[in-house]
C-alpha atoms as a PDB file:
ATOM      1  CA  MET A   1     189.577 168.001 254.284  1.00  0.00           C
ATOM      2  CA  PRO A   2     192.533 170.312 254.681  1.00  0.00           C
ATOM      3  CA  THR A   3     193.241 172.826 251.937  1.00  0.00           C
ATOM      4  CA  ARG A   4     196.559 174.133 250.820  1.00  0.00           C
ATOM      5  CA  GLU A   5     197.805 176.844 248.572  1.00  0.00           C
ATOM      6  CA  TYR A   6     199.747 175.947 245.452  1.00  0.00           C
ATOM      7  CA  SER A   7     202.677 177.902 244.176  1.00  0.00           C
ATOM      8  CA  ARG A   8     202.771 179.239 240.635  1.00  0.00           C
ATOM      9  CA  GLU A   9     205.289 176.570 239.688  1.00  0.00           C
ATOM     10  CA  GLU A  10     203.067 173.794 241.021  1.00  0.00           C
ATOM     11  CA  ILE A  11     200.061 175.156 239.167  1.00  0.00           C
ATOM     12  CA  GLN A  12     202.129 175.351 235.961  1.00  0.00           C
ATOM     13  CA  LYS A  13     203.298 171.745 236.379  1.00  0.00           C
ATOM     14  CA  ILE A  14     199.709 170.539 236.848  1.00  0.00           C
ATOM     15  CA  TRP A  15     198.555 172.553 233.838  1.00  0.00           C
ATOM     16  CA  ASN A  16     201.352 171.146 231.683  1.00  0.00           C
ATOM     17  CA  LYS A  17     200.192 167.616 232.544  1.00  0.00           C
ATOM     18  CA  ILE A  18     196.516 168.179 231.651  1.00  0.00           C
ATOM     19  CA  LYS A  19     196.519 170.770 228.854  1.00  0.00           C
ATOM     20  CA  PRO A  20     195.914 169.384 225.367  1.00  0.00           C
ATOM     21  CA  LYS A  21     198.917 169.202 223.104  1.00  0.00           C
ATOM     22  CA  GLU A  22     198.734 171.152 219.875  1.00  0.00           C
ATOM     23  CA  GLU A  23     199.693 168.086 217.876  1.00  0.00           C
ATOM     24  CA  GLU A  24     196.561 166.361 219.175  1.00  0.00           C
ATOM     25  CA  GLY A  25     194.634 168.601 216.802  1.00  0.00           C
ATOM     26  CA  ILE A  26     192.297 170.079 219.403  1.00  0.00           C
ATOM     27  CA  TYR A  27     193.254 173.641 218.506  1.00  0.00           C
ATOM     28  CA  THR A  28     192.689 172.965 214.816  1.00  0.00           C
ATOM     29  CA  GLU A  29     189.318 171.414 215.588  1.00  0.00           C
ATOM     30  CA  ILE A  30     188.324 174.410 217.701  1.00  0.00           C
ATOM     31  CA  ARG A  31     189.299 176.806 214.894  1.00  0.00           C
ATOM     32  CA  GLU A  32     187.336 174.728 212.360  1.00  0.00           C
ATOM     33  CA  LEU A  33     184.299 174.666 214.636  1.00  0.00           C
ATOM     34  CA  ARG A  34     184.535 178.418 215.121  1.00  0.00           C
ATOM     35  CA  ALA A  35     184.680 178.957 211.347  1.00  0.00           C
ATOM     36  CA  ALA A  36     181.662 176.684 210.886  1.00  0.00           C
ATOM     37  CA  ILE A  37     179.736 178.581 213.567  1.00  0.00           C
ATOM     38  CA  ASP A  38     180.604 181.940 211.984  1.00  0.00           C
ATOM     39  CA  PHE A  39     179.463 180.687 208.568  1.00  0.00           C
ATOM     40  CA  THR A  40     176.230 179.318 210.045  1.00  0.00           C
ATOM     41  CA  LEU A  41     175.490 182.627 211.759  1.00  0.00           C
ATOM     42  CA  LEU A  42     176.076 184.483 208.502  1.00  0.00           C
ATOM     43  CA  GLU A  43     173.727 182.124 206.661  1.00  0.00           C
ATOM     44  CA  LEU A  44     171.105 182.524 209.400  1.00  0.00           C
ATOM     45  CA  GLY A  45     171.312 186.295 208.946  1.00  0.00           C
ATOM     46  CA  ASN A  46     170.790 185.881 205.200  1.00  0.00           C
ATOM     47  CA  LEU A  47     167.864 183.548 205.836  1.00  0.00           C
ATOM     48  CA  ARG A  48     166.326 186.080 208.238  1.00  0.00           C
ATOM     49  CA  ASP A  49     166.575 188.782 205.565  1.00  0.00           C
ATOM     50  CA  LEU A  50     164.858 186.507 203.047  1.00  0.00           C
ATOM     51  CA  VAL A  51     162.038 185.690 205.465  1.00  0.00           C
ATOM     52  CA  LEU A  52     161.508 189.372 206.304  1.00  0.00           C
ATOM     53  CA  ASN A  53     161.435 190.187 202.584  1.00  0.00           C
ATOM     54  CA  LEU A  54     158.825 187.477 201.992  1.00  0.00           C
ATOM     55  CA  LEU A  55     156.724 188.729 204.914  1.00  0.00           C
ATOM     56  CA  GLU A  56     156.888 192.240 203.492  1.00  0.00           C
ATOM     57  CA  ARG A  57     155.749 190.950 200.081  1.00  0.00           C
ATOM     58  CA  VAL A  58     152.854 189.050 201.640  1.00  0.00           C
ATOM     59  CA  LYS A  59     151.826 192.097 203.676  1.00  0.00           C
ATOM     60  CA  ALA A  60     151.976 194.313 200.574  1.00  0.00           C
ATOM     61  CA  LEU A  61     149.779 191.897 198.660  1.00  0.00           C
ATOM     62  CA  GLU A  62     147.312 191.667 201.559  1.00  0.00           C
ATOM     63  CA  GLU A  63     146.949 195.447 201.569  1.00  0.00           C
ATOM     64  CA  VAL A  64     145.508 195.398 198.061  1.00  0.00           C
ATOM     65  CA  GLU A  65     141.747 195.327 198.448  1.00  0.00           C
ATOM     66  CA  ILE A  66     140.325 191.878 197.787  1.00  0.00           C
ATOM     67  CA  GLY A  67     138.177 191.734 194.690  1.00  0.00           C
ATOM     68  CA  GLU A  68     139.520 194.960 193.220  1.00  0.00           C
ATOM     69  CA  GLU A  69     141.156 194.438 189.887  1.00  0.00           C
ATOM     70  CA  MET A  70     144.581 196.006 189.782  1.00  0.00           C
ATOM     71  CA  ASN A  71     145.865 196.937 186.381  1.00  0.00           C
ATOM     72  CA  LEU A  72     149.590 197.122 187.040  1.00  0.00           C
ATOM     73  CA  LEU A  73     151.573 199.575 184.991  1.00  0.00           C
ATOM     74  CA  THR A  74     154.531 198.406 182.967  1.00  0.00           C
ATOM     75  CA  MET A  75     157.491 200.754 182.763  1.00  0.00           C
ATOM     76  CA  PRO A  76     161.288 200.702 182.689  1.00  0.00           C
ATOM     77  CA  ARG A  77     162.962 200.240 186.070  1.00  0.00           C
ATOM     78  CA  GLU A  78     164.537 203.718 185.955  1.00  0.00           C
ATOM     79  CA  GLU A  79     161.113 205.323 185.530  1.00  0.00           C
ATOM     80  CA  ALA A  80     159.688 203.212 188.352  1.00  0.00           C
ATOM     81  CA  GLU A  81     162.600 204.268 190.591  1.00  0.00           C
ATOM     82  CA  ARG A  82     161.896 207.928 189.807  1.00  0.00           C
ATOM     83  CA  LYS A  83     158.160 207.547 190.520  1.00  0.00           C
ATOM     84  CA  ILE A  84     158.797 205.695 193.784  1.00  0.00           C
ATOM     85  CA  LYS A  85     161.326 208.325 194.925  1.00  0.00           C
ATOM     86  CA  GLU A  86     158.846 211.112 194.123  1.00  0.00           C
ATOM     87  CA  TYR A  87     156.092 209.259 195.969  1.00  0.00           C
ATOM     88  CA  ILE A  88     158.256 208.779 199.054  1.00  0.00           C
ATOM     89  CA  ASP A  89     159.274 212.457 199.002  1.00  0.00           C
ATOM     90  CA  GLU A  90     155.600 213.485 198.839  1.00  0.00           C
ATOM     91  CA  HIS A  91     154.437 210.891 201.392  1.00  0.00           C
ATOM     92  CA  PRO A  92     157.054 210.568 204.167  1.00  0.00           C
ATOM     93  CA  GLY A  93     156.460 207.511 206.305  1.00  0.00           C
ATOM     94  CA  CYS A  94     154.445 205.755 203.602  1.00  0.00           C
ATOM     95  CA  ARG A  95     154.194 201.997 203.544  1.00  0.00           C
ATOM     96  CA  THR A  96     155.242 199.604 200.815  1.00  0.00           C
ATOM     97  CA  GLY A  97     151.615 198.690 200.144  1.00  0.00           C
ATOM     98  CA  ASP A  98     150.746 202.371 199.662  1.00  0.00           C
ATOM     99  CA  ILE A  99     153.392 202.693 196.969  1.00  0.00           C
ATOM    100  CA  ILE A 100     152.243 199.525 195.190  1.00  0.00           C
ATOM    101  CA  TYR A 101     148.561 200.436 195.371  1.00  0.00           C
ATOM    102  CA  ASP A 102     148.782 204.148 194.570  1.00  0.00           C
ATOM    103  CA  LEU A 103     151.348 203.832 191.779  1.00  0.00           C
ATOM    104  CA  ARG A 104     149.864 200.545 190.474  1.00  0.00           C
ATOM    105  CA  LEU A 105     153.327 198.991 190.222  1.00  0.00           C
ATOM    106  CA  ASP A 106     154.299 195.342 190.405  1.00  0.00           C
ATOM    107  CA  PRO A 107     154.978 194.432 194.066  1.00  0.00           C
ATOM    108  CA  ASP A 108     158.191 192.536 193.213  1.00  0.00           C
ATOM    109  CA  LEU A 109     159.557 195.552 191.326  1.00  0.00           C
ATOM    110  CA  VAL A 110     158.652 197.952 194.147  1.00  0.00           C
ATOM    111  CA  LEU A 111     160.241 195.710 196.791  1.00  0.00           C
ATOM    112  CA  ASP A 112     163.416 195.274 194.721  1.00  0.00           C
ATOM    113  CA  ILE A 113     163.722 199.030 194.209  1.00  0.00           C
ATOM    114  CA  LEU A 114     163.053 199.792 197.884  1.00  0.00           C
ATOM    115  CA  HIS A 115     165.635 197.195 198.897  1.00  0.00           C
ATOM    116  CA  ASP A 116     168.192 198.860 196.598  1.00  0.00           C
ATOM    117  CA  PHE A 117     167.254 202.308 197.960  1.00  0.00           C
ATOM    118  CA  GLU A 118     167.765 201.018 201.500  1.00  0.00           C
ATOM    119  CA  LYS A 119     171.170 199.548 200.660  1.00  0.00           C
ATOM    120  CA  LYS A 120     172.211 202.914 199.209  1.00  0.00           C
ATOM    121  CA  GLY A 121     170.890 204.766 202.258  1.00  0.00           C
ATOM    122  CA  ARG A 122     168.205 206.623 200.277  1.00  0.00           C
ATOM    123  CA  VAL A 123     165.365 205.250 202.416  1.00  0.00           C
ATOM    124  CA  ARG A 124     165.118 203.544 205.768  1.00  0.00           C
ATOM    125  CA  GLY A 125     162.824 200.578 206.112  1.00  0.00           C
ATOM    126  CA  LYS A 126     160.925 200.051 209.314  1.00  0.00           C
ATOM    127  CA  GLU A 127     160.098 196.613 210.678  1.00  0.00           C
ATOM    128  CA  ILE A 128     156.435 196.087 211.310  1.00  0.00           C
ATOM    129  CA  GLY A 129     154.910 193.416 213.479  1.00  0.00           C
ATOM    130  CA  TYR A 130     152.782 190.673 212.016  1.00  0.00           C
ATOM    131  CA  GLU A 131     149.898 189.242 213.930  1.00  0.00           C
ATOM    132  CA  THR A 132     149.201 185.532 213.670  1.00  0.00           C
END
């Protein structure tokens, strides 16, 4: 089959015949789909953060020795923040479970405080692998 080269004008004429018209709504649909995809990706990121937080909570609870009674201390959040900050300063590289166990603090409180510290750039969390 012989081939031929098309001029720019011919290519433009062909394109004008096949390209979708804006009034057909295709561009609007594409923009709406893109917005939906962006929203979905954002929600997936939020879901990932929630799952990682739950895994961290489970891991922290698993690190508490089975059968050992833990008498958790009750204290105001500000005092807990101060104690956790001091602990981290004295034990660089410590794990969440270490903080919970050594300070005898409620795991939910410790995780909330550490999450806030991370958001403020005061600490840097490190992802750890979980074996199944």
